[in-house]
Amino acid sequence: MNDLAVEAMAVLSASPMEPPGGLTTGLRERAARGIVHRGQVVTWADSTGDVGTVPSSFPDLTGWECGDSSFHLEDFVPVEIDIIDGQQSIGEDDQRLLLLHGIALVRLVGRLVHELDPPAPVRCIISANETNATFRFHRIRAGESWNTPNLDDYRLEKIIVVDIEPRGDL
């Protein structure tokens, strides 16, 4: 987590990191679709993406997975979105709510990762800012990364990165 996310999530206080009322039905349904291996990539089971386009559209498999798995959390979580100067604006409290739902979704995706045959290491990336919040995931690969390693370099968004690395003997 970068410092902006730590502050927004009140991680250093006694505040629970569970969305009020639990994960939304839409996000539970999204996770219920499952994830699968498709060749060298991990993606949503119902994805229509074609990994064969990797060389022309994306720099690597990680980029393809992030593009294919990414969606806006505010499409599934009821938050107040104002339009200011023609652009969406999401307040701090609603950004925190979106991050909470993202973390709850990571827990479900983590279970799905452990159910893969064979299990694969997966990185989930949740980000929120004034205009939107996204959730995406990719297989962890040496030499490839979607995010900058120093999360505090993200000055305009709150970012949470969770690595799920199942052991083969579980």
C-alpha atoms as a PDB file:
ATOM      1  CA  MET A   1       0.000   0.000   0.000  1.00  0.00           C
ATOM      2  CA  ASN A   2       1.211   3.456  -0.645  1.00  0.00           C
ATOM      3  CA  ASP A   3       0.978   6.088   2.091  1.00  0.00           C
ATOM      4  CA  LEU A   4      -2.152   7.628   0.552  1.00  0.00           C
ATOM      5  CA  ALA A   5      -3.937   4.259   0.743  1.00  0.00           C
ATOM      6  CA  VAL A   6      -2.707   3.608   4.308  1.00  0.00           C
ATOM      7  CA  GLU A   7      -4.153   6.953   5.362  1.00  0.00           C
ATOM      8  CA  ALA A   8      -7.436   6.464   3.478  1.00  0.00           C
ATOM      9  CA  MET A   9      -7.901   2.953   4.848  1.00  0.00           C
ATOM     10  CA  ALA A  10      -6.979   3.948   8.411  1.00  0.00           C
ATOM     11  CA  VAL A  11      -4.712   0.892   8.508  1.00  0.00           C
ATOM     12  CA  LEU A  12      -2.796   2.179  11.518  1.00  0.00           C
ATOM     13  CA  SER A  13      -5.958   2.615  13.592  1.00  0.00           C
ATOM     14  CA  ALA A  14      -8.472   0.091  14.841  1.00  0.00           C
ATOM     15  CA  SER A  15     -10.714   0.648  11.811  1.00  0.00           C
ATOM     16  CA  PRO A  16     -11.944  -2.616  10.224  1.00  0.00           C
ATOM     17  CA  MET A  17     -11.012  -3.239   6.607  1.00  0.00           C
ATOM     18  CA  GLU A  18     -14.349  -4.756   5.649  1.00  0.00           C
ATOM     19  CA  PRO A  19     -16.873  -2.944   3.426  1.00  0.00           C
ATOM     20  CA  PRO A  20     -20.048  -1.947   5.294  1.00  0.00           C
ATOM     21  CA  GLY A  21     -22.693  -4.527   4.489  1.00  0.00           C
ATOM     22  CA  GLY A  22     -20.119  -6.832   2.888  1.00  0.00           C
ATOM     23  CA  LEU A  23     -19.037  -7.178  -0.712  1.00  0.00           C
ATOM     24  CA  THR A  24     -21.650  -6.044  -3.234  1.00  0.00           C
ATOM     25  CA  THR A  25     -23.659  -8.639  -5.101  1.00  0.00           C
ATOM     26  CA  GLY A  26     -22.143  -7.495  -8.399  1.00  0.00           C
ATOM     27  CA  LEU A  27     -18.581  -8.064  -7.182  1.00  0.00           C
ATOM     28  CA  ARG A  28     -19.486 -11.446  -5.694  1.00  0.00           C
ATOM     29  CA  GLU A  29     -20.980 -12.393  -9.068  1.00  0.00           C
ATOM     30  CA  ARG A  30     -17.862 -11.118 -10.849  1.00  0.00           C
ATOM     31  CA  ALA A  31     -15.657 -13.361  -8.685  1.00  0.00           C
ATOM     32  CA  ALA A  32     -18.065 -16.297  -9.095  1.00  0.00           C
ATOM     33  CA  ARG A  33     -17.198 -16.314 -12.806  1.00  0.00           C
ATOM     34  CA  GLY A  34     -13.859 -17.767 -11.758  1.00  0.00           C
ATOM     35  CA  ILE A  35     -10.384 -17.438 -13.165  1.00  0.00           C
ATOM     36  CA  VAL A  36      -8.537 -19.836 -15.440  1.00  0.00           C
ATOM     37  CA  HIS A  37      -5.210 -20.536 -17.068  1.00  0.00           C
ATOM     38  CA  ARG A  38      -5.379 -19.733 -20.750  1.00  0.00           C
ATOM     39  CA  GLY A  39      -2.022 -20.751 -22.134  1.00  0.00           C
ATOM     40  CA  GLN A  40       0.574 -18.657 -20.306  1.00  0.00           C
ATOM     41  CA  VAL A  41      -1.920 -16.192 -18.836  1.00  0.00           C
ATOM     42  CA  VAL A  42      -4.415 -16.139 -15.989  1.00  0.00           C
ATOM     43  CA  THR A  43      -7.699 -14.364 -16.671  1.00  0.00           C
ATOM     44  CA  TRP A  44     -11.408 -14.309 -15.881  1.00  0.00           C
ATOM     45  CA  ALA A  45     -13.009 -17.570 -16.985  1.00  0.00           C
ATOM     46  CA  ASP A  46     -15.532 -15.752 -19.178  1.00  0.00           C
ATOM     47  CA  SER A  47     -12.969 -13.477 -20.833  1.00  0.00           C
ATOM     48  CA  THR A  48     -13.224 -13.180 -24.591  1.00  0.00           C
ATOM     49  CA  GLY A  49      -9.728 -11.691 -24.806  1.00  0.00           C
ATOM     50  CA  ASP A  50      -7.315 -13.210 -27.308  1.00  0.00           C
ATOM     51  CA  VAL A  51      -3.854 -13.673 -25.855  1.00  0.00           C
ATOM     52  CA  GLY A  52      -2.609 -14.095 -29.433  1.00  0.00           C
ATOM     53  CA  THR A  53      -2.718 -10.283 -29.731  1.00  0.00           C
ATOM     54  CA  VAL A  54       0.008  -9.832 -27.078  1.00  0.00           C
ATOM     55  CA  PRO A  55       2.867  -8.920 -29.422  1.00  0.00           C
ATOM     56  CA  SER A  56       0.874  -6.259 -31.303  1.00  0.00           C
ATOM     57  CA  SER A  57      -1.202  -4.645 -28.545  1.00  0.00           C
ATOM     58  CA  PHE A  58       0.702  -5.124 -25.284  1.00  0.00           C
ATOM     59  CA  PRO A  59       4.381  -5.056 -24.352  1.00  0.00           C
ATOM     60  CA  ASP A  60       4.159  -8.388 -22.499  1.00  0.00           C
ATOM     61  CA  LEU A  61       1.818 -10.996 -21.020  1.00  0.00           C
ATOM     62  CA  THR A  62       1.492  -9.025 -17.779  1.00  0.00           C
ATOM     63  CA  GLY A  63       0.168  -6.021 -19.697  1.00  0.00           C
ATOM     64  CA  TRP A  64      -2.294  -8.225 -21.554  1.00  0.00           C
ATOM     65  CA  GLU A  65      -3.593  -9.751 -18.306  1.00  0.00           C
ATOM     66  CA  CYS A  66      -3.953  -6.345 -16.655  1.00  0.00           C
ATOM     67  CA  GLY A  67      -5.840  -4.988 -19.636  1.00  0.00           C
ATOM     68  CA  ASP A  68      -8.074  -8.035 -19.825  1.00  0.00           C
ATOM     69  CA  SER A  69      -8.826  -8.371 -16.100  1.00  0.00           C
ATOM     70  CA  SER A  70      -9.273  -4.664 -15.335  1.00  0.00           C
ATOM     71  CA  PHE A  71     -12.630  -3.122 -14.474  1.00  0.00           C
ATOM     72  CA  HIS A  72     -13.975  -0.086 -12.630  1.00  0.00           C
ATOM     73  CA  LEU A  73     -15.084  -0.777  -9.071  1.00  0.00           C
ATOM     74  CA  GLU A  74     -17.528   2.138  -9.142  1.00  0.00           C
ATOM     75  CA  ASP A  75     -19.512   0.188 -11.765  1.00  0.00           C
ATOM     76  CA  PHE A  76     -20.297  -2.363  -9.019  1.00  0.00           C
ATOM     77  CA  VAL A  77     -20.267  -0.315  -5.818  1.00  0.00           C
ATOM     78  CA  PRO A  78     -22.842   2.431  -5.233  1.00  0.00           C
ATOM     79  CA  VAL A  79     -20.886   5.631  -4.644  1.00  0.00           C
ATOM     80  CA  GLU A  80     -21.667   9.276  -5.209  1.00  0.00           C
ATOM     81  CA  ILE A  81     -20.108  10.481  -8.441  1.00  0.00           C
ATOM     82  CA  ASP A  82     -20.293  14.181  -9.168  1.00  0.00           C
ATOM     83  CA  ILE A  83     -19.534  15.659 -12.559  1.00  0.00           C
ATOM     84  CA  ILE A  84     -17.230  18.659 -12.289  1.00  0.00           C
ATOM     85  CA  ASP A  85     -16.077  20.400 -15.457  1.00  0.00           C
ATOM     86  CA  GLY A  86     -17.235  17.368 -17.441  1.00  0.00           C
ATOM     87  CA  GLN A  87     -15.199  14.892 -15.386  1.00  0.00           C
ATOM     88  CA  GLN A  88     -16.217  12.364 -12.738  1.00  0.00           C
ATOM     89  CA  SER A  89     -15.381  13.282  -9.162  1.00  0.00           C
ATOM     90  CA  ILE A  90     -15.369  10.732  -6.344  1.00  0.00           C
ATOM     91  CA  GLY A  91     -14.951  11.966  -2.755  1.00  0.00           C
ATOM     92  CA  GLU A  92     -12.445  10.617  -0.233  1.00  0.00           C
ATOM     93  CA  ASP A  93     -15.022   8.583   1.733  1.00  0.00           C
ATOM     94  CA  ASP A  94     -16.259   6.894  -1.432  1.00  0.00           C
ATOM     95  CA  GLN A  95     -12.682   6.226  -2.588  1.00  0.00           C
ATOM     96  CA  ARG A  96     -12.123   4.466   0.748  1.00  0.00           C
ATOM     97  CA  LEU A  97     -15.309   2.444   0.235  1.00  0.00           C
ATOM     98  CA  LEU A  98     -14.128   1.387  -3.226  1.00  0.00           C
ATOM     99  CA  LEU A  99     -10.755   0.303  -1.793  1.00  0.00           C
ATOM    100  CA  LEU A 100     -12.524  -1.715   0.916  1.00  0.00           C
ATOM    101  CA  HIS A 101     -14.519  -3.543  -1.733  1.00  0.00           C
ATOM    102  CA  GLY A 102     -11.324  -4.114  -3.712  1.00  0.00           C
ATOM    103  CA  ILE A 103      -9.647  -5.720  -0.696  1.00  0.00           C
ATOM    104  CA  ALA A 104     -12.687  -7.926  -0.071  1.00  0.00           C
ATOM    105  CA  LEU A 105     -12.576  -8.962  -3.738  1.00  0.00           C
ATOM    106  CA  VAL A 106      -8.876  -9.839  -3.392  1.00  0.00           C
ATOM    107  CA  ARG A 107      -9.822 -12.372  -0.734  1.00  0.00           C
ATOM    108  CA  LEU A 108     -12.204 -14.100  -3.175  1.00  0.00           C
ATOM    109  CA  VAL A 109      -9.680 -13.976  -6.010  1.00  0.00           C
ATOM    110  CA  GLY A 110      -7.105 -15.433  -3.610  1.00  0.00           C
ATOM    111  CA  ARG A 111      -9.335 -18.465  -3.092  1.00  0.00           C
ATOM    112  CA  LEU A 112      -9.718 -18.814  -6.859  1.00  0.00           C
ATOM    113  CA  VAL A 113      -5.947 -18.651  -7.312  1.00  0.00           C
ATOM    114  CA  HIS A 114      -5.493 -21.495  -4.825  1.00  0.00           C
ATOM    115  CA  GLU A 115      -8.043 -23.560  -6.782  1.00  0.00           C
ATOM    116  CA  LEU A 116      -6.209 -23.195 -10.108  1.00  0.00           C
ATOM    117  CA  ASP A 117      -4.635 -26.384 -11.418  1.00  0.00           C
ATOM    118  CA  PRO A 118      -1.792 -25.818 -11.039  1.00  0.00           C
ATOM    119  CA  PRO A 119      -1.955 -22.823  -8.664  1.00  0.00           C
ATOM    120  CA  ALA A 120      -0.159 -19.738  -9.967  1.00  0.00           C
ATOM    121  CA  PRO A 121       1.262 -16.661  -8.241  1.00  0.00           C
ATOM    122  CA  VAL A 122      -1.042 -13.713  -8.943  1.00  0.00           C
ATOM    123  CA  ARG A 123      -0.778  -9.996  -8.139  1.00  0.00           C
ATOM    124  CA  CYS A 124      -3.967  -7.990  -7.568  1.00  0.00           C
ATOM    125  CA  ILE A 125      -3.804  -4.218  -7.987  1.00  0.00           C
ATOM    126  CA  ILE A 126      -6.463  -1.907  -6.576  1.00  0.00           C
ATOM    127  CA  SER A 127      -6.298   1.823  -7.179  1.00  0.00           C
ATOM    128  CA  ALA A 128      -8.583   4.745  -6.447  1.00  0.00           C
ATOM    129  CA  ASN A 129      -8.410   8.445  -7.177  1.00  0.00           C
ATOM    130  CA  GLU A 130     -10.723  11.411  -7.679  1.00  0.00           C
ATOM    131  CA  THR A 131     -12.127  10.074 -10.957  1.00  0.00           C
ATOM    132  CA  ASN A 132     -12.341   6.276 -10.662  1.00  0.00           C
ATOM    133  CA  ALA A 133     -11.209   3.074  -8.968  1.00  0.00           C
ATOM    134  CA  THR A 134      -9.895  -0.015 -10.724  1.00  0.00           C
ATOM    135  CA  PHE A 135      -9.251  -3.652  -9.910  1.00  0.00           C
ATOM    136  CA  ARG A 136      -6.956  -5.804 -12.032  1.00  0.00           C
ATOM    137  CA  PHE A 137      -4.743  -8.836 -11.687  1.00  0.00           C
ATOM    138  CA  HIS A 138      -1.885 -10.583 -13.431  1.00  0.00           C
ATOM    139  CA  ARG A 139       0.329 -13.601 -13.029  1.00  0.00           C
ATOM    140  CA  ILE A 140       3.573 -12.731 -11.241  1.00  0.00           C
ATOM    141  CA  ARG A 141       6.489 -13.131 -13.658  1.00  0.00           C
ATOM    142  CA  ALA A 142      10.166 -12.326 -13.331  1.00  0.00           C
ATOM    143  CA  GLY A 143      11.073  -9.185 -15.268  1.00  0.00           C
ATOM    144  CA  GLU A 144       7.471  -8.040 -15.824  1.00  0.00           C
ATOM    145  CA  SER A 145       5.388  -5.682 -13.701  1.00  0.00           C
ATOM    146  CA  TRP A 146       2.340  -3.505 -14.188  1.00  0.00           C
ATOM    147  CA  ASN A 147       2.996  -1.198 -11.261  1.00  0.00           C
ATOM    148  CA  THR A 148       5.984   0.855 -10.157  1.00  0.00           C
ATOM    149  CA  PRO A 149       7.751  -0.957  -7.282  1.00  0.00           C
ATOM    150  CA  ASN A 150       7.748   2.128  -5.017  1.00  0.00           C
ATOM    151  CA  LEU A 151       4.018   2.605  -4.495  1.00  0.00           C
ATOM    152  CA  ASP A 152       4.575   6.032  -2.951  1.00  0.00           C
ATOM    153  CA  ASP A 153       5.581   7.232  -6.429  1.00  0.00           C
ATOM    154  CA  TYR A 154       1.832   7.246  -7.133  1.00  0.00           C
ATOM    155  CA  ARG A 155       1.106  10.761  -5.869  1.00  0.00           C
ATOM    156  CA  LEU A 156      -2.423  11.148  -7.232  1.00  0.00           C
ATOM    157  CA  GLU A 157      -3.935   7.786  -6.407  1.00  0.00           C
ATOM    158  CA  LYS A 158      -4.293   5.371  -3.568  1.00  0.00           C
ATOM    159  CA  ILE A 159      -2.852   2.022  -4.573  1.00  0.00           C
ATOM    160  CA  ILE A 160      -2.896  -1.394  -2.947  1.00  0.00           C
ATOM    161  CA  VAL A 161      -0.929  -4.331  -4.349  1.00  0.00           C
ATOM    162  CA  VAL A 162      -1.536  -7.819  -2.987  1.00  0.00           C
ATOM    163  CA  ASP A 163       0.571 -10.801  -4.033  1.00  0.00           C
ATOM    164  CA  ILE A 164      -1.059 -14.207  -3.766  1.00  0.00           C
ATOM    165  CA  GLU A 165       1.596 -16.897  -3.938  1.00  0.00           C
ATOM    166  CA  PRO A 166       0.107 -20.315  -3.221  1.00  0.00           C
ATOM    167  CA  ARG A 167       2.425 -23.085  -2.179  1.00  0.00           C
ATOM    168  CA  GLY A 168       2.136 -26.253  -4.206  1.00  0.00           C
ATOM    169  CA  ASP A 169       1.762 -28.450  -1.128  1.00  0.00           C
ATOM    170  CA  LEU A 170      -1.406 -26.862   0.317  1.00  0.00           C
END
